[in-house]
Amino acid sequence: MTASSAPPPTIDILIKSAAFLGSTGVAAGAFGAHALKERLKKQGAMENWRTAVMYQLFHAAAILALSSLASSSMPMANNTENGSFPLESQRYVQSGKYMTAGTVLFSGSIYCLTLGLGPKMIMGPITPIGGLFMIGGWATLAM
């Protein structure tokens, strides 16, 4: 990509977020299916791990799609250096940001809980907060 065809920084953040969530989601899925398989089965946490991976991968794909929608809804001769984006692009970007935060909180807290990392009194309530952020991302998209 040349400098003139690079996506605006806010859209680039969504692309990088989707790539990070997608790659770590695949890694977490493989890790859970192989290295952690017996541990997760003993704890009865295999289904929780799969749920975290599934939500992470679905939302990585959704965030990538949102970055594409945000980019395609911008005028060809856009002037994004002053931070102004069409409202439609702003909605896609905001939706992607909510989904990114929600996915990190939701899936991340489930990973921590299943691995026994962090205090359960803190990690437990983070999961539904992450879920609310993901729902907020979808709701923002619908507006």
C-alpha atoms as a PDB file:
ATOM      1  CA  MET A   1       0.000   0.000   0.000  1.00  0.00           C
ATOM      2  CA  THR A   2       1.362   3.403  -0.872  1.00  0.00           C
ATOM      3  CA  ALA A   3       1.247   6.283   1.561  1.00  0.00           C
ATOM      4  CA  SER A   4      -1.544   7.936  -0.420  1.00  0.00           C
ATOM      5  CA  SER A   5      -3.705   4.805  -0.388  1.00  0.00           C
ATOM      6  CA  ALA A   6      -3.192   3.963   3.303  1.00  0.00           C
ATOM      7  CA  PRO A   7      -6.423   3.855   5.288  1.00  0.00           C
ATOM      8  CA  PRO A   8      -7.133   6.673   7.742  1.00  0.00           C
ATOM      9  CA  PRO A   9      -5.754   5.971  11.229  1.00  0.00           C
ATOM     10  CA  THR A  10      -9.117   5.131  12.817  1.00  0.00           C
ATOM     11  CA  ILE A  11      -9.919   2.603  10.101  1.00  0.00           C
ATOM     12  CA  ASP A  12      -6.381   1.222  10.296  1.00  0.00           C
ATOM     13  CA  ILE A  13      -6.950   0.615  14.028  1.00  0.00           C
ATOM     14  CA  LEU A  14      -9.982  -1.517  13.184  1.00  0.00           C
ATOM     15  CA  ILE A  15      -8.004  -3.517  10.635  1.00  0.00           C
ATOM     16  CA  LYS A  16      -5.208  -4.118  13.131  1.00  0.00           C
ATOM     17  CA  SER A  17      -7.710  -4.991  15.880  1.00  0.00           C
ATOM     18  CA  ALA A  18      -9.404  -7.524  13.604  1.00  0.00           C
ATOM     19  CA  ALA A  19      -6.047  -9.030  12.661  1.00  0.00           C
ATOM     20  CA  PHE A  20      -4.971  -9.259  16.304  1.00  0.00           C
ATOM     21  CA  LEU A  21      -8.264 -10.789  17.462  1.00  0.00           C
ATOM     22  CA  GLY A  22      -8.350 -13.180  14.507  1.00  0.00           C
ATOM     23  CA  SER A  23      -4.797 -14.432  14.926  1.00  0.00           C
ATOM     24  CA  THR A  24      -5.003 -14.770  18.708  1.00  0.00           C
ATOM     25  CA  GLY A  25      -8.414 -16.421  18.364  1.00  0.00           C
ATOM     26  CA  VAL A  26      -6.978 -19.101  16.097  1.00  0.00           C
ATOM     27  CA  ALA A  27      -4.055 -19.545  18.514  1.00  0.00           C
ATOM     28  CA  ALA A  28      -6.400 -19.784  21.521  1.00  0.00           C
ATOM     29  CA  GLY A  29      -8.540 -22.341  19.709  1.00  0.00           C
ATOM     30  CA  ALA A  30      -5.527 -24.485  18.880  1.00  0.00           C
ATOM     31  CA  PHE A  31      -4.109 -24.085  22.372  1.00  0.00           C
ATOM     32  CA  GLY A  32      -7.407 -25.164  23.926  1.00  0.00           C
ATOM     33  CA  ALA A  33      -7.835 -28.109  21.569  1.00  0.00           C
ATOM     34  CA  HIS A  34      -4.343 -29.444  22.145  1.00  0.00           C
ATOM     35  CA  ALA A  35      -2.145 -28.123  24.985  1.00  0.00           C
ATOM     36  CA  LEU A  36      -5.002 -27.366  27.390  1.00  0.00           C
ATOM     37  CA  LYS A  37      -7.389 -30.124  26.332  1.00  0.00           C
ATOM     38  CA  GLU A  38      -7.017 -32.364  29.391  1.00  0.00           C
ATOM     39  CA  ARG A  39      -6.927 -29.481  31.854  1.00  0.00           C
ATOM     40  CA  LEU A  40     -10.062 -27.899  30.402  1.00  0.00           C
ATOM     41  CA  LYS A  41     -11.878 -31.258  30.369  1.00  0.00           C
ATOM     42  CA  LYS A  42     -10.993 -31.913  34.033  1.00  0.00           C
ATOM     43  CA  GLN A  43     -12.296 -28.495  35.010  1.00  0.00           C
ATOM     44  CA  GLY A  44     -15.390 -28.871  32.848  1.00  0.00           C
ATOM     45  CA  ALA A  45     -14.329 -25.652  31.129  1.00  0.00           C
ATOM     46  CA  MET A  46     -13.918 -26.836  27.535  1.00  0.00           C
ATOM     47  CA  GLU A  47     -17.270 -25.394  26.492  1.00  0.00           C
ATOM     48  CA  ASN A  48     -16.431 -22.036  28.112  1.00  0.00           C
ATOM     49  CA  TRP A  49     -13.122 -21.922  26.227  1.00  0.00           C
ATOM     50  CA  ARG A  50     -14.857 -22.739  22.941  1.00  0.00           C
ATOM     51  CA  THR A  51     -17.427 -20.009  23.554  1.00  0.00           C
ATOM     52  CA  ALA A  52     -14.667 -17.443  24.124  1.00  0.00           C
ATOM     53  CA  VAL A  53     -12.856 -18.529  20.953  1.00  0.00           C
ATOM     54  CA  MET A  54     -16.043 -18.558  18.871  1.00  0.00           C
ATOM     55  CA  TYR A  55     -17.095 -15.060  19.953  1.00  0.00           C
ATOM     56  CA  GLN A  56     -13.567 -13.763  19.412  1.00  0.00           C
ATOM     57  CA  LEU A  57     -13.343 -15.123  15.869  1.00  0.00           C
ATOM     58  CA  PHE A  58     -16.857 -14.030  14.876  1.00  0.00           C
ATOM     59  CA  HIS A  59     -16.210 -10.514  16.112  1.00  0.00           C
ATOM     60  CA  ALA A  60     -12.780 -10.360  14.441  1.00  0.00           C
ATOM     61  CA  ALA A  61     -14.529 -11.013  11.124  1.00  0.00           C
ATOM     62  CA  ALA A  62     -17.252  -8.469  11.924  1.00  0.00           C
ATOM     63  CA  ILE A  63     -14.664  -5.808  12.832  1.00  0.00           C
ATOM     64  CA  LEU A  64     -12.805  -6.445   9.582  1.00  0.00           C
ATOM     65  CA  ALA A  65     -16.078  -6.057   7.667  1.00  0.00           C
ATOM     66  CA  LEU A  66     -16.786  -2.813   9.536  1.00  0.00           C
ATOM     67  CA  SER A  67     -13.383  -1.423   8.554  1.00  0.00           C
ATOM     68  CA  SER A  68     -14.216  -2.183   4.943  1.00  0.00           C
ATOM     69  CA  LEU A  69     -17.649  -0.556   5.223  1.00  0.00           C
ATOM     70  CA  ALA A  70     -16.148   2.515   6.907  1.00  0.00           C
ATOM     71  CA  SER A  71     -13.526   2.826   4.188  1.00  0.00           C
ATOM     72  CA  SER A  72     -15.970   2.347   1.320  1.00  0.00           C
ATOM     73  CA  SER A  73     -18.455   4.879   2.711  1.00  0.00           C
ATOM     74  CA  MET A  74     -15.849   7.632   2.631  1.00  0.00           C
ATOM     75  CA  PRO A  75     -15.712   9.895  -0.419  1.00  0.00           C
ATOM     76  CA  MET A  76     -12.912   9.124  -2.870  1.00  0.00           C
ATOM     77  CA  ALA A  77     -11.395  12.590  -2.467  1.00  0.00           C
ATOM     78  CA  ASN A  78     -11.683  12.550   1.294  1.00  0.00           C
ATOM     79  CA  ASN A  79     -10.019  14.994   3.598  1.00  0.00           C
ATOM     80  CA  THR A  80      -9.613  12.994   6.781  1.00  0.00           C
ATOM     81  CA  GLU A  81      -6.627  14.895   8.121  1.00  0.00           C
ATOM     82  CA  ASN A  82      -8.891  17.242  10.062  1.00  0.00           C
ATOM     83  CA  GLY A  83     -10.618  14.243  11.658  1.00  0.00           C
ATOM     84  CA  SER A  84     -13.905  14.683   9.837  1.00  0.00           C
ATOM     85  CA  PHE A  85     -15.527  11.530   8.526  1.00  0.00           C
ATOM     86  CA  PRO A  86     -18.966  11.031   7.039  1.00  0.00           C
ATOM     87  CA  LEU A  87     -21.494  10.054   9.713  1.00  0.00           C
ATOM     88  CA  GLU A  88     -21.916   6.621   8.172  1.00  0.00           C
ATOM     89  CA  SER A  89     -18.174   5.933   8.455  1.00  0.00           C
ATOM     90  CA  GLN A  90     -18.177   7.203  12.044  1.00  0.00           C
ATOM     91  CA  ARG A  91     -20.948   4.758  12.900  1.00  0.00           C
ATOM     92  CA  TYR A  92     -18.997   1.826  11.465  1.00  0.00           C
ATOM     93  CA  VAL A  93     -15.826   2.864  13.274  1.00  0.00           C
ATOM     94  CA  GLN A  94     -17.626   3.354  16.592  1.00  0.00           C
ATOM     95  CA  SER A  95     -19.353   0.004  16.216  1.00  0.00           C
ATOM     96  CA  GLY A  96     -15.992  -1.646  15.574  1.00  0.00           C
ATOM     97  CA  LYS A  97     -14.455   0.015  18.623  1.00  0.00           C
ATOM     98  CA  TYR A  98     -17.269  -1.244  20.846  1.00  0.00           C
ATOM     99  CA  MET A  99     -16.925  -4.743  19.417  1.00  0.00           C
ATOM    100  CA  THR A 100     -13.156  -4.709  19.919  1.00  0.00           C
ATOM    101  CA  ALA A 101     -13.402  -3.621  23.543  1.00  0.00           C
ATOM    102  CA  GLY A 102     -16.223  -6.071  24.185  1.00  0.00           C
ATOM    103  CA  THR A 103     -14.371  -8.989  22.637  1.00  0.00           C
ATOM    104  CA  VAL A 104     -11.211  -8.311  24.640  1.00  0.00           C
ATOM    105  CA  LEU A 105     -13.226  -8.075  27.871  1.00  0.00           C
ATOM    106  CA  PHE A 106     -15.600 -10.972  27.167  1.00  0.00           C
ATOM    107  CA  SER A 107     -13.226 -13.538  25.705  1.00  0.00           C
ATOM    108  CA  GLY A 108     -10.251 -12.359  27.738  1.00  0.00           C
ATOM    109  CA  SER A 109     -12.092 -12.743  31.027  1.00  0.00           C
ATOM    110  CA  ILE A 110     -13.297 -16.231  30.079  1.00  0.00           C
ATOM    111  CA  TYR A 111      -9.744 -17.259  29.202  1.00  0.00           C
ATOM    112  CA  CYS A 112      -8.524 -15.923  32.549  1.00  0.00           C
ATOM    113  CA  LEU A 113     -11.327 -17.620  34.485  1.00  0.00           C
ATOM    114  CA  THR A 114     -10.755 -21.001  32.837  1.00  0.00           C
ATOM    115  CA  LEU A 115      -7.007 -20.757  33.486  1.00  0.00           C
ATOM    116  CA  GLY A 116      -7.477 -19.563  37.060  1.00  0.00           C
ATOM    117  CA  LEU A 117      -5.808 -16.213  36.375  1.00  0.00           C
ATOM    118  CA  GLY A 118      -6.864 -13.159  38.343  1.00  0.00           C
ATOM    119  CA  PRO A 119      -9.405 -12.903  41.135  1.00  0.00           C
ATOM    120  CA  LYS A 120     -12.780 -14.412  40.242  1.00  0.00           C
ATOM    121  CA  MET A 121     -14.557 -11.536  41.987  1.00  0.00           C
ATOM    122  CA  ILE A 122     -13.100  -9.178  39.386  1.00  0.00           C
ATOM    123  CA  MET A 123     -12.884 -11.420  36.329  1.00  0.00           C
ATOM    124  CA  GLY A 124     -16.431 -12.795  36.673  1.00  0.00           C
ATOM    125  CA  PRO A 125     -18.233  -9.448  36.305  1.00  0.00           C
ATOM    126  CA  ILE A 126     -15.983  -8.425  33.410  1.00  0.00           C
ATOM    127  CA  THR A 127     -17.497 -11.117  31.161  1.00  0.00           C
ATOM    128  CA  PRO A 128     -21.026  -9.631  30.996  1.00  0.00           C
ATOM    129  CA  ILE A 129     -19.592  -6.121  30.693  1.00  0.00           C
ATOM    130  CA  GLY A 130     -17.703  -7.311  27.623  1.00  0.00           C
ATOM    131  CA  GLY A 131     -20.908  -8.859  26.338  1.00  0.00           C
ATOM    132  CA  LEU A 132     -22.688  -5.532  26.749  1.00  0.00           C
ATOM    133  CA  PHE A 133     -19.967  -3.794  24.739  1.00  0.00           C
ATOM    134  CA  MET A 134     -20.350  -6.366  21.951  1.00  0.00           C
ATOM    135  CA  ILE A 135     -24.122  -5.863  21.973  1.00  0.00           C
ATOM    136  CA  GLY A 136     -23.504  -2.107  21.942  1.00  0.00           C
ATOM    137  CA  GLY A 137     -21.373  -2.539  18.840  1.00  0.00           C
ATOM    138  CA  TRP A 138     -24.154  -4.364  17.046  1.00  0.00           C
ATOM    139  CA  ALA A 139     -26.745  -1.834  18.262  1.00  0.00           C
ATOM    140  CA  THR A 140     -24.591   1.056  17.056  1.00  0.00           C
ATOM    141  CA  LEU A 141     -24.377  -0.604  13.663  1.00  0.00           C
ATOM    142  CA  ALA A 142     -28.180  -0.837  13.534  1.00  0.00           C
ATOM    143  CA  MET A 143     -28.704   2.897  14.229  1.00  0.00           C
END
